[in-house]
Protein backbone atom coordinates (compact mmCIF):
# COMPACT_ATOMS: atom_id res chain seq x y z
CA MET A 1 40.69 -6.25 -19.79
CA ARG A 2 37.47 -7.40 -18.21
CA PHE A 3 34.11 -5.87 -17.35
CA LEU A 4 34.06 -5.16 -13.58
CA HIS A 5 30.73 -3.58 -12.63
CA THR A 6 27.75 -1.43 -13.51
CA MET A 7 26.93 1.49 -11.18
CA LEU A 8 23.46 2.76 -10.33
CA ARG A 9 22.68 5.74 -8.10
CA VAL A 10 19.93 4.86 -5.64
CA GLY A 11 17.71 6.93 -3.37
CA ASP A 12 17.18 4.34 -0.61
CA LEU A 13 20.20 2.09 -0.21
CA GLN A 14 18.58 -0.38 2.19
CA ALA A 15 15.48 -0.82 -0.02
CA SER A 16 17.73 -1.40 -3.03
CA ILE A 17 19.95 -3.89 -1.20
CA LYS A 18 16.83 -5.74 -0.02
CA PHE A 19 15.44 -5.85 -3.58
CA TYR A 20 18.63 -7.13 -5.19
CA THR A 21 19.35 -9.69 -2.44
CA GLU A 22 15.89 -10.93 -1.47
CA ILE A 23 14.06 -10.67 -4.79
CA LEU A 24 16.87 -11.20 -7.32
CA GLY A 25 19.06 -13.46 -5.16
CA MET A 26 22.29 -11.46 -5.29
CA LYS A 27 24.67 -11.34 -2.35
CA LEU A 28 25.92 -8.16 -0.71
CA LEU A 29 29.65 -8.52 -1.32
CA ARG A 30 30.88 -5.36 0.39
CA GLN A 31 29.65 -1.98 1.57
CA ASN A 32 31.67 1.10 2.53
CA ASP A 33 30.79 4.57 3.78
CA TYR A 34 32.84 7.53 2.58
CA PRO A 35 32.08 10.34 5.08
CA ALA A 36 34.41 12.86 3.43
CA GLY A 37 32.49 12.46 0.17
CA GLU A 38 29.11 11.87 1.83
CA PHE A 39 28.31 8.68 -0.06
CA THR A 40 28.07 4.92 0.46
CA LEU A 41 28.98 2.22 -2.05
CA ALA A 42 27.50 -1.28 -1.96
CA PHE A 43 28.63 -4.03 -4.32
CA LEU A 44 26.28 -6.94 -5.06
CA GLY A 45 26.46 -9.94 -7.34
CA TYR A 46 26.07 -13.64 -7.93
CA GLY A 47 29.69 -14.47 -7.20
CA ASP A 48 33.03 -13.11 -6.08
CA GLU A 49 34.18 -9.90 -7.77
CA SER A 50 37.44 -11.54 -8.80
CA GLU A 51 35.55 -13.74 -11.26
CA ASN A 52 32.17 -12.06 -11.85
CA THR A 53 30.77 -8.75 -13.03
CA VAL A 54 28.89 -7.08 -10.18
CA LEU A 55 26.47 -4.25 -9.51
CA GLU A 56 27.63 -1.13 -7.66
CA LEU A 57 24.91 0.81 -5.85
CA THR A 58 25.90 4.37 -4.99
CA TYR A 59 23.95 6.22 -2.34
CA ASN A 60 24.75 9.94 -2.13
CA TRP A 61 23.77 10.96 1.38
CA GLY A 62 20.64 13.10 1.44
CA VAL A 63 19.61 12.40 -2.17
CA SER A 64 16.37 10.42 -2.28
CA SER A 65 15.68 10.22 -6.03
CA TYR A 66 17.19 10.68 -9.48
CA ASP A 67 15.91 11.31 -12.98
CA LEU A 68 16.59 8.05 -14.80
CA GLY A 69 17.31 9.75 -18.10
CA THR A 70 16.59 8.60 -21.61
CA ALA A 71 19.97 7.04 -22.37
CA TYR A 72 19.71 4.28 -19.76
CA GLY A 73 18.40 0.99 -21.11
CA HIS A 74 18.36 -1.88 -18.67
CA ILE A 75 20.32 -4.53 -16.81
CA ALA A 76 19.82 -8.05 -18.18
CA LEU A 77 19.77 -11.22 -16.07
CA GLU A 78 19.55 -14.77 -17.37
CA VAL A 79 17.01 -16.98 -15.59
CA ASP A 80 16.08 -20.64 -16.05
CA ASP A 81 12.33 -19.95 -16.38
CA VAL A 82 11.11 -16.40 -17.01
CA TYR A 83 7.48 -17.25 -16.23
CA ALA A 84 8.39 -18.77 -12.84
CA ALA A 85 10.77 -15.90 -12.07
CA THR A 86 8.12 -13.24 -12.73
CA ASP A 87 5.56 -15.16 -10.65
CA ARG A 88 8.04 -15.31 -7.75
CA ILE A 89 8.95 -11.62 -8.11
CA LYS A 90 5.24 -10.62 -8.17
CA ALA A 91 4.59 -12.74 -5.05
CA GLN A 92 7.40 -10.86 -3.28
CA GLY A 93 5.94 -7.48 -4.20
CA GLY A 94 8.18 -6.75 -7.19
CA LYS A 95 6.96 -4.49 -10.00
CA ILE A 96 6.51 -6.11 -13.42
CA LEU A 97 6.96 -3.74 -16.36
CA ARG A 98 6.38 -6.37 -19.08
CA GLU A 99 4.95 -9.81 -18.42
CA ALA A 100 6.89 -12.90 -19.50
CA GLY A 101 6.51 -13.85 -23.14
CA PRO A 102 8.33 -14.07 -26.46
CA MET A 103 10.39 -11.06 -27.45
CA ASN A 104 9.22 -8.89 -30.34
CA ALA A 105 10.22 -10.54 -33.64
CA GLY A 106 11.89 -13.49 -31.89
CA SER A 107 11.28 -16.55 -29.78
CA THR A 108 13.40 -15.85 -26.69
CA ILE A 109 11.21 -15.54 -23.59
CA ILE A 110 11.76 -12.26 -21.75
CA ALA A 111 10.15 -10.04 -19.12
CA PHE A 112 10.96 -6.65 -17.61
CA ILE A 113 10.80 -5.70 -13.94
CA ALA A 114 11.70 -2.52 -12.06
CA ASP A 115 13.88 -2.05 -8.99
CA PRO A 116 12.85 0.33 -6.16
CA ASP A 117 14.28 3.34 -8.04
CA GLY A 118 12.54 2.43 -11.30
CA TYR A 119 15.56 1.01 -13.12
CA ALA A 120 14.49 -1.57 -15.70
CA ILE A 121 15.81 -5.12 -15.43
CA GLU A 122 15.28 -7.59 -18.26
CA LEU A 123 14.87 -11.26 -17.43
CA ILE A 124 15.98 -13.46 -20.32
CA GLY A 125 15.25 -17.16 -20.54
CA LYS A 126 18.26 -19.43 -20.68
CA LYS A 127 19.10 -20.07 -24.30
CA SER A 128 19.46 -23.57 -25.63
CA VAL A 129 22.34 -24.47 -27.92
CA GLY A 130 21.51 -23.37 -31.47
CA ASN A 131 18.88 -20.78 -30.43
CA PRO A 132 20.45 -17.42 -31.44
CA ASP A 133 17.61 -15.00 -30.51
């Protein structure tokens, strides 16, 4: 078994694709419309689906927003430098939920940002060998 993808429902597919490709550097891997079901699926990621876990964005035609719910946590992305990443994201108009800095009760540098629908995304600094937190 392997982990294939995470799915998020989005209210504006083009805004979400733009955010994930232009701000977070993912590539749009494939996109398909399903007229009989009135939805569109877009798959994005940092590499081919055959070797990488990807993000599935689902746009249900005519639905412009969703309640995020209290069970959803966040997507986590590893970055080389959290401070530089948040500066770049801010410069591109991205929303910062938590500025870069050490995590609570640990030393790992993290930050939180939000996508156009308000989904939280954690940026985690690349861990060095021997740094467990």
